[in-house]
Protein backbone atom coordinates (compact mmCIF):
# COMPACT_ATOMS: atom_id res chain seq x y z
CA UNK A 1 23.45 -96.31 52.10
CA UNK A 2 20.17 -97.18 53.72
CA UNK A 3 18.26 -94.69 54.88
CA UNK A 4 18.24 -94.94 59.01
CA UNK A 5 15.09 -95.38 60.65
CA UNK A 6 13.22 -93.21 63.17
CA UNK A 7 12.61 -93.81 66.45
CA UNK A 8 9.49 -96.01 66.98
CA UNK A 9 8.02 -94.15 70.08
CA UNK A 10 8.61 -91.43 67.72
CA UNK A 11 6.58 -92.27 64.78
CA UNK A 12 3.62 -92.84 66.69
CA UNK A 13 4.15 -89.89 68.88
CA UNK A 14 4.11 -91.74 72.47
CA UNK A 15 5.92 -91.74 75.35
CA UNK A 16 8.73 -94.61 75.94
CA UNK A 17 6.66 -95.38 79.02
CA UNK A 18 3.00 -95.30 77.28
CA UNK A 19 0.88 -98.52 77.89
CA UNK A 20 -0.24 -101.07 75.32
CA UNK A 21 -4.04 -99.15 74.99
CA UNK A 22 -2.48 -95.73 74.29
CA UNK A 23 0.25 -97.51 71.72
CA UNK A 24 -2.85 -99.16 69.69
CA UNK A 25 -4.79 -96.02 70.17
CA UNK A 26 -1.92 -93.66 68.22
CA UNK A 27 -1.78 -96.70 65.90
CA UNK A 28 -5.58 -96.20 64.57
CA UNK A 29 -5.40 -92.68 64.77
CA UNK A 30 -2.12 -92.77 61.98
CA UNK A 31 -3.89 -95.61 60.33
CA UNK A 32 -6.92 -93.98 59.35
CA UNK A 33 -5.04 -90.44 58.37
CA UNK A 34 -2.43 -92.49 56.02
CA UNK A 35 -4.34 -95.60 54.88
CA UNK A 36 -3.88 -96.04 51.14
CA UNK A 37 -7.11 -96.02 49.92
CA UNK A 38 -7.53 -92.77 51.35
CA UNK A 39 -4.73 -91.09 49.57
CA UNK A 40 -4.63 -93.22 46.50
CA UNK A 41 -0.64 -92.39 44.53
CA UNK A 42 0.80 -90.60 47.49
CA UNK A 43 4.09 -91.91 47.94
CA UNK A 44 4.62 -90.36 51.45
CA UNK A 45 1.39 -91.44 52.89
CA UNK A 46 2.33 -94.72 52.19
CA UNK A 47 5.97 -94.30 53.67
CA UNK A 48 4.30 -93.00 56.97
CA UNK A 49 1.55 -95.73 57.17
CA UNK A 50 4.30 -98.45 56.42
CA UNK A 51 6.09 -96.80 59.50
CA UNK A 52 3.55 -96.76 61.94
CA UNK A 53 2.47 -100.51 60.90
CA UNK A 54 6.05 -101.37 61.86
CA UNK A 55 6.53 -99.14 64.90
CA UNK A 56 3.42 -100.89 66.63
CA UNK A 57 4.27 -104.18 65.59
CA UNK A 58 7.40 -103.80 67.71
CA UNK A 59 5.70 -101.77 70.34
CA UNK A 60 2.62 -103.27 71.10
CA UNK A 61 4.43 -106.81 71.31
CA UNK A 62 6.40 -107.29 75.14
CA UNK A 63 8.86 -108.87 74.02
CA UNK A 64 10.35 -107.50 71.31
CA UNK A 65 9.27 -103.85 72.83
CA UNK A 66 11.92 -104.96 75.51
CA UNK A 67 14.93 -105.72 73.30
CA UNK A 68 14.12 -102.77 71.10
CA UNK A 69 14.41 -100.84 74.47
CA UNK A 70 17.28 -102.48 75.38
CA UNK A 71 19.43 -102.64 71.97
CA UNK A 72 16.99 -100.56 69.47
CA UNK A 73 16.55 -101.93 65.93
CA UNK A 74 19.28 -104.21 66.09
CA UNK A 75 17.63 -105.74 69.15
CA UNK A 76 14.68 -106.18 66.79
CA UNK A 77 16.13 -107.39 64.10
CA UNK A 78 17.63 -110.36 66.08
CA UNK A 79 13.79 -111.91 66.55
CA UNK A 80 13.31 -112.07 62.51
CA UNK A 81 11.58 -109.20 62.36
CA UNK A 82 12.87 -106.72 60.01
CA UNK A 83 9.61 -104.51 59.26
CA UNK A 84 6.80 -105.58 56.18
CA UNK A 85 7.32 -106.02 52.59
CA UNK A 86 4.25 -104.75 51.74
CA UNK A 87 0.70 -103.74 52.26
CA UNK A 88 -0.90 -107.11 52.18
CA UNK A 89 1.93 -108.10 54.51
CA UNK A 90 0.45 -105.45 56.98
CA UNK A 91 -3.22 -106.04 56.59
CA UNK A 92 -2.73 -109.64 57.60
CA UNK A 93 -1.00 -109.21 60.41
CA UNK A 94 -3.44 -106.59 61.93
CA UNK A 95 -6.92 -107.32 59.91
CA UNK A 96 -8.54 -107.44 63.41
CA UNK A 97 -7.52 -103.69 64.07
CA UNK A 98 -8.28 -102.46 60.45
CA UNK A 99 -11.69 -103.51 60.69
CA UNK A 100 -11.88 -101.82 64.07
CA UNK A 101 -10.76 -98.70 62.85
CA UNK A 102 -12.97 -99.04 59.31
CA UNK A 103 -15.07 -101.25 59.86
CA UNK A 104 -16.07 -104.14 57.02
CA UNK A 105 -16.96 -103.17 53.37
CA UNK A 106 -15.01 -99.80 53.98
CA UNK A 107 -12.60 -98.57 51.71
CA UNK A 108 -13.16 -100.87 48.59
CA UNK A 109 -14.63 -103.96 50.79
CA UNK A 110 -11.99 -104.07 53.41
CA UNK A 111 -8.43 -102.99 51.84
CA UNK A 112 -8.43 -104.19 48.29
CA UNK A 113 -12.08 -106.13 47.83
CA UNK A 114 -12.58 -109.67 47.37
CA UNK A 115 -10.34 -112.63 46.54
CA UNK A 116 -11.30 -114.78 49.43
CA UNK A 117 -9.56 -114.93 53.12
CA UNK A 118 -6.53 -113.66 53.53
CA UNK A 119 -3.28 -115.67 54.67
CA UNK A 120 -2.79 -115.31 58.32
CA UNK A 121 0.37 -117.06 60.20
CA UNK A 122 -0.02 -119.21 62.96
CA UNK A 123 0.66 -118.51 66.84
CA UNK A 124 3.76 -118.89 68.02
CA UNK A 125 4.01 -121.94 70.88
CA UNK A 126 5.49 -121.83 74.30
CA UNK A 127 7.32 -125.46 75.55
CA UNK A 128 8.75 -125.17 79.20
CA UNK A 129 11.84 -127.81 79.35
CA UNK A 130 12.85 -129.26 82.11
CA UNK A 131 16.70 -129.88 82.34
CA UNK A 132 19.33 -131.60 84.92
CA UNK A 133 22.13 -129.24 85.83
CA UNK A 134 25.08 -130.86 83.97
CA UNK A 135 23.06 -131.01 80.93
CA UNK A 136 22.16 -127.57 80.56
CA UNK A 137 25.64 -126.56 81.35
CA UNK A 138 27.48 -129.06 79.06
CA UNK A 139 24.81 -129.26 76.66
CA UNK A 140 22.74 -131.95 74.91
CA UNK A 141 19.86 -133.35 72.79
CA UNK A 142 16.35 -134.32 73.88
CA UNK A 143 13.28 -135.30 71.90
CA UNK A 144 10.35 -133.19 73.06
CA UNK A 145 6.77 -133.56 71.97
CA UNK A 146 4.81 -130.33 71.27
CA UNK A 147 0.77 -130.32 70.77
CA UNK A 148 -0.07 -128.22 68.08
CA UNK A 149 -2.40 -127.12 65.45
CA UNK A 150 -1.33 -127.76 61.52
CA UNK A 151 -2.78 -127.56 58.52
CA UNK A 152 -5.23 -130.23 57.39
CA UNK A 153 -3.38 -132.61 55.05
CA UNK A 154 -6.71 -133.91 53.96
CA UNK A 155 -7.97 -130.40 52.23
CA UNK A 156 -4.37 -128.72 52.34
CA UNK A 157 -6.24 -126.09 54.48
CA UNK A 158 -9.17 -125.11 52.39
CA UNK A 159 -11.77 -126.93 54.93
CA UNK A 160 -13.33 -128.49 51.47
CA UNK A 161 -14.08 -132.08 50.95
CA UNK A 162 -11.27 -133.06 48.33
CA UNK A 163 -12.61 -132.84 44.90
CA UNK A 164 -14.72 -130.00 45.86
CA UNK A 165 -13.78 -125.99 46.52
CA UNK A 166 -14.68 -122.95 48.44
CA UNK A 167 -17.30 -120.76 46.60
CA UNK A 168 -18.44 -116.94 47.15
CA UNK A 169 -20.65 -117.00 49.54
CA UNK A 170 -24.44 -116.98 48.67
CA UNK A 171 -25.65 -114.61 51.25
CA UNK A 172 -23.06 -111.83 50.86
CA UNK A 173 -22.05 -112.40 47.64
CA UNK A 174 -18.12 -112.54 48.78
CA UNK A 175 -18.25 -109.27 50.26
CA UNK A 176 -17.80 -111.07 54.37
CA UNK A 177 -20.54 -108.22 55.40
CA UNK A 178 -24.46 -108.04 55.06
CA UNK A 179 -25.63 -104.56 55.09
CA UNK A 180 -29.46 -103.19 55.52
CA UNK A 181 -31.09 -99.79 56.02
CA UNK A 182 -32.76 -98.06 58.74
CA UNK A 183 -34.24 -95.13 58.02
CA UNK A 184 -31.29 -92.95 56.22
CA UNK A 185 -28.99 -95.05 58.44
CA UNK A 186 -26.85 -98.29 56.44
CA UNK A 187 -26.16 -100.72 58.78
CA UNK A 188 -23.27 -103.28 57.92
CA UNK A 189 -22.37 -106.26 59.77
CA UNK A 190 -20.52 -109.40 59.26
CA UNK A 191 -22.00 -111.86 57.59
CA UNK A 192 -23.61 -114.82 59.26
CA UNK A 193 -23.38 -117.49 57.07
CA UNK A 194 -19.73 -117.53 56.30
CA UNK A 195 -18.77 -115.52 59.24
CA UNK A 196 -17.07 -112.44 57.17
CA UNK A 197 -14.63 -115.11 55.33
CA UNK A 198 -16.58 -114.16 51.58
CA UNK A 199 -16.24 -117.78 50.77
CA UNK A 200 -18.45 -120.68 51.95
CA UNK A 201 -18.07 -124.61 52.05
CA UNK A 202 -20.80 -126.77 50.98
CA UNK A 203 -19.34 -130.04 51.40
CA UNK A 204 -16.34 -129.77 54.38
CA UNK A 205 -13.55 -131.77 54.50
CA UNK A 206 -13.79 -134.86 56.65
CA UNK A 207 -10.97 -134.58 58.25
CA UNK A 208 -11.07 -131.25 59.71
CA UNK A 209 -14.51 -130.52 59.71
CA UNK A 210 -13.84 -127.64 57.61
CA UNK A 211 -11.43 -125.86 60.18
CA UNK A 212 -8.55 -126.22 57.71
CA UNK A 213 -6.26 -127.47 60.33
CA UNK A 214 -5.92 -130.48 62.54
CA UNK A 215 -4.55 -131.61 66.45
CA UNK A 216 -1.01 -133.37 66.33
CA UNK A 217 1.48 -134.14 68.62
CA UNK A 218 4.48 -133.47 67.07
CA UNK A 219 8.54 -135.17 68.08
CA UNK A 220 11.14 -133.30 67.99
CA UNK A 221 14.85 -133.24 68.30
CA UNK A 222 16.12 -130.43 70.22
CA UNK A 223 20.06 -129.47 70.26
CA UNK A 224 20.59 -127.40 73.82
CA UNK A 225 23.89 -125.85 73.80
CA UNK A 226 26.15 -125.41 76.49
CA UNK A 227 25.64 -122.88 78.77
CA UNK A 228 21.75 -122.74 79.68
CA UNK A 229 20.17 -121.88 82.51
CA UNK A 230 17.14 -121.30 84.32
CA UNK A 231 14.59 -118.61 82.04
CA UNK A 232 16.94 -118.57 78.81
CA UNK A 233 15.06 -119.82 75.94
CA UNK A 234 15.99 -121.59 72.21
CA UNK A 235 13.86 -120.98 69.44
CA UNK A 236 12.23 -123.14 66.48
CA UNK A 237 11.49 -121.36 63.79
CA UNK A 238 8.21 -122.52 61.60
CA UNK A 239 7.79 -125.04 64.95
CA UNK A 240 4.53 -123.09 66.12
CA UNK A 241 0.87 -123.89 65.18
CA UNK A 242 0.48 -124.13 61.39
CA UNK A 243 -1.28 -120.85 59.67
CA UNK A 244 -4.72 -120.33 58.08
CA UNK A 245 -5.64 -120.64 54.56
CA UNK A 246 -1.98 -120.97 52.99
CA UNK A 247 -0.17 -118.28 55.86
CA UNK A 248 3.11 -119.13 57.45
CA UNK A 249 3.31 -121.24 60.80
CA UNK A 250 4.39 -119.75 63.91
CA UNK A 251 7.58 -120.45 66.35
CA UNK A 252 8.13 -122.53 69.03
CA UNK A 253 10.22 -121.04 71.93
CA UNK A 254 11.83 -123.79 74.30
CA UNK A 255 11.93 -121.97 77.77
CA UNK A 256 14.80 -123.64 80.33
CA UNK A 257 14.28 -124.86 83.61
CA UNK A 258 17.45 -126.07 85.20
CA UNK A 259 17.16 -128.09 88.48
CA UNK A 260 19.44 -127.30 90.83
CA UNK A 261 22.60 -129.49 91.64
CA UNK A 262 23.78 -131.38 95.05
CA UNK A 263 26.63 -129.20 95.53
CA UNK A 264 27.30 -127.05 92.80
CA UNK A 265 26.11 -123.52 92.53
CA UNK A 266 26.34 -121.37 89.84
CA UNK A 267 26.50 -117.87 89.35
CA UNK A 268 26.60 -116.74 85.39
CA UNK A 269 29.26 -118.75 84.25
CA UNK A 270 31.38 -119.07 87.14
CA UNK A 271 30.50 -121.98 89.90
CA UNK A 272 30.85 -121.91 93.38
CA UNK A 273 31.77 -125.17 95.54
CA UNK A 274 32.25 -125.58 99.35
CA UNK A 275 34.72 -128.08 100.59
CA UNK A 276 35.05 -129.11 104.58
CA UNK A 277 38.83 -129.34 105.72
CA UNK A 278 39.85 -130.16 109.52
CA UNK A 279 41.82 -127.68 111.34
CA UNK A 280 45.03 -129.84 110.68
CA UNK A 281 44.46 -130.08 107.17
CA UNK A 282 43.84 -126.14 106.99
CA UNK A 283 46.97 -125.82 109.65
CA UNK A 284 49.29 -128.20 107.92
CA UNK A 285 48.06 -128.04 104.65
CA UNK A 286 46.69 -130.66 102.50
CA UNK A 287 45.92 -132.18 99.01
CA UNK A 288 42.43 -134.03 97.82
CA UNK A 289 40.32 -134.71 94.49
CA UNK A 290 37.17 -132.86 94.07
CA UNK A 291 34.54 -132.83 91.54
CA UNK A 292 34.46 -131.00 88.29
CA UNK A 293 31.90 -130.59 85.35
CA UNK A 294 33.64 -133.30 83.53
CA UNK A 295 36.14 -134.65 85.17
CA UNK A 296 37.64 -134.51 88.75
CA UNK A 297 40.69 -132.19 90.00
CA UNK A 298 43.60 -132.25 92.31
CA UNK A 299 42.94 -129.60 94.60
CA UNK A 300 45.74 -128.40 97.07
CA UNK A 301 45.04 -126.79 100.04
CA UNK A 302 48.17 -124.39 101.40
CA UNK A 303 49.75 -124.64 104.96
CA UNK A 304 47.66 -121.84 106.94
CA UNK A 305 44.97 -121.45 105.25
CA UNK A 306 42.24 -119.46 106.57
CA UNK A 307 38.46 -120.37 107.26
CA UNK A 308 36.33 -118.98 104.43
CA UNK A 309 39.49 -118.43 102.28
CA UNK A 310 38.80 -118.83 98.31
CA UNK A 311 40.37 -120.70 95.69
CA UNK A 312 39.88 -120.08 92.19
CA UNK A 313 40.47 -122.87 89.59
CA UNK A 314 40.29 -121.46 85.83
CA UNK A 315 38.41 -122.67 83.04
CA UNK A 316 36.27 -124.95 85.35
CA UNK A 317 33.12 -123.15 85.32
CA UNK A 318 30.28 -123.60 82.86
CA UNK A 319 30.88 -123.18 78.91
CA UNK A 320 29.68 -119.85 77.03
CA UNK A 321 27.22 -120.90 74.52
CA UNK A 322 29.42 -119.42 71.72
CA UNK A 323 33.15 -119.47 71.75
CA UNK A 324 35.78 -121.40 73.90
CA UNK A 325 35.35 -119.53 76.51
CA UNK A 326 34.48 -121.17 80.24
CA UNK A 327 33.58 -119.72 83.51
CA UNK A 328 35.91 -120.33 86.35
CA UNK A 329 35.48 -123.09 89.52
CA UNK A 330 35.34 -120.71 92.94
CA UNK A 331 36.42 -123.54 95.89
CA UNK A 332 35.84 -121.69 99.51
CA UNK A 333 37.19 -123.39 102.05
CA UNK A 334 34.93 -124.65 105.30
CA UNK A 335 37.16 -125.23 108.13
CA UNK A 336 35.26 -128.03 110.47
CA UNK A 337 35.80 -127.57 114.38
CA UNK A 338 34.92 -131.20 116.29
CA UNK A 339 32.58 -130.89 118.99
CA UNK A 340 33.89 -133.49 120.64
CA UNK A 341 37.31 -134.57 121.38
CA UNK A 342 38.97 -137.90 122.85
CA UNK A 343 41.28 -137.86 125.75
CA UNK A 344 44.04 -138.09 123.14
CA UNK A 345 42.95 -135.44 121.06
CA UNK A 346 42.51 -133.29 123.86
CA UNK A 347 46.16 -133.94 124.96
CA UNK A 348 47.74 -133.28 122.26
CA UNK A 349 46.14 -130.06 121.72
CA UNK A 350 47.18 -128.82 125.34
CA UNK A 351 50.82 -129.76 124.21
CA UNK A 352 50.20 -128.32 121.15
CA UNK A 353 48.95 -124.82 123.31
CA UNK A 354 52.24 -124.90 125.02
CA UNK A 355 54.19 -124.61 122.16
CA UNK A 356 52.14 -121.61 121.25
CA UNK A 357 54.08 -118.07 122.43
CA UNK A 358 52.31 -116.44 125.43
CA UNK A 359 50.87 -112.87 124.89
CA UNK A 360 52.54 -109.90 125.87
CA UNK A 361 50.63 -108.75 128.95
CA UNK A 362 49.73 -104.64 129.32
CA UNK A 363 48.60 -102.66 131.85
CA UNK A 364 45.23 -103.49 132.92
CA UNK A 365 45.90 -107.24 132.32
CA UNK A 366 44.86 -107.53 128.22
CA UNK A 367 46.22 -109.28 125.89
CA UNK A 368 48.63 -107.44 122.96
CA UNK A 369 46.44 -108.24 119.70
CA UNK A 370 48.91 -109.69 117.05
CA UNK A 371 47.85 -108.38 114.19
CA UNK A 372 45.26 -106.68 112.03
CA UNK A 373 41.90 -105.30 113.17
CA UNK A 374 42.25 -106.33 116.92
CA UNK A 375 45.98 -104.71 117.08
CA UNK A 376 44.29 -101.18 115.66
CA UNK A 377 41.33 -101.43 117.90
CA UNK A 378 43.64 -102.14 120.72
CA UNK A 379 45.74 -98.85 120.01
CA UNK A 380 42.99 -96.91 119.67
CA UNK A 381 41.63 -97.85 122.89
CA UNK A 382 44.95 -97.02 124.90
CA UNK A 383 45.45 -93.69 122.97
CA UNK A 384 42.12 -92.55 123.78
CA UNK A 385 42.47 -93.65 127.20
CA UNK A 386 45.81 -91.72 127.55
CA UNK A 387 44.17 -88.75 126.26
CA UNK A 388 41.40 -88.65 128.42
CA UNK A 389 43.98 -88.98 131.72
CA UNK A 390 45.72 -85.87 130.70
CA UNK A 391 42.83 -84.32 130.47
């Protein structure tokens, strides 16, 4: 059985509310202590170094840290991060931090010496996609055009003119740094000619002007699953910016923004709909056709339906992204009282009023409430009045 991973906060020795700067500071200290160039052949130091790198990778990234705080290691693995394969994988990810800690040229020329620039993965990209309510709820397929940076096809990312190649920088002899003495001190700085890249391009590629990457817009077909809502996102692996020096491309995050509907209101996977009926329809009952997400539905209003009453239609809400489940449609009945009545309507209502039972008179001239809260309030008042008279 695989060893259980340690808590990332314990690995770095930081509290759970530690800021990014504190996380970075602690990681630097541990990386300096257990770096493999300082502990050659020490397997325990190697493991501690890898653990610290993995913890830092998660805790310095806001989204990975949020998932880790909510779901632990399983939440992080859902992002595709399962740890580092080897030391070169760690160094390529945190080269800026290691350069900050040790300085260029330290520990054998920058973690393993020459060999040219190490592959660097490309940056992730975000694309904000606006969808109509029904498309987001039911799913659809759209085509998006994403601006990004990709590996130059002319030079395959080398930055050198086809037919030529990179050569070790003549100014720093392929070290990426230059040193000069100042009294008893030796000052090491980044090579001004190759900018620390260790290699030199004599003739630059005309397609990318020596950068190794070019800017383009790529059209992508995106399948939107049902049940999307504002703030949810999809990940398209490998569709972000291209890497450098043979590094893998980043990912593309498509973030949804859903337009509101004219009459549906969404709450989770349930839908809310308000329908107006006349007081006659509410009293006598009626039926009529209402819209649903996919079609229509004949809604039955039972006789005696009260204002604000909610009728639940099972399975007529928003589909879940996975599985066969759907939310419900909750229909709220709004009874509309006419403001202006013609003479005939007034006559009919007066005739109706004559048919209603007269309320029983009570001492003091007050009517007896028929039911519910009014009845309880009336009895409470009369009981207190009688108690007061006895006193």
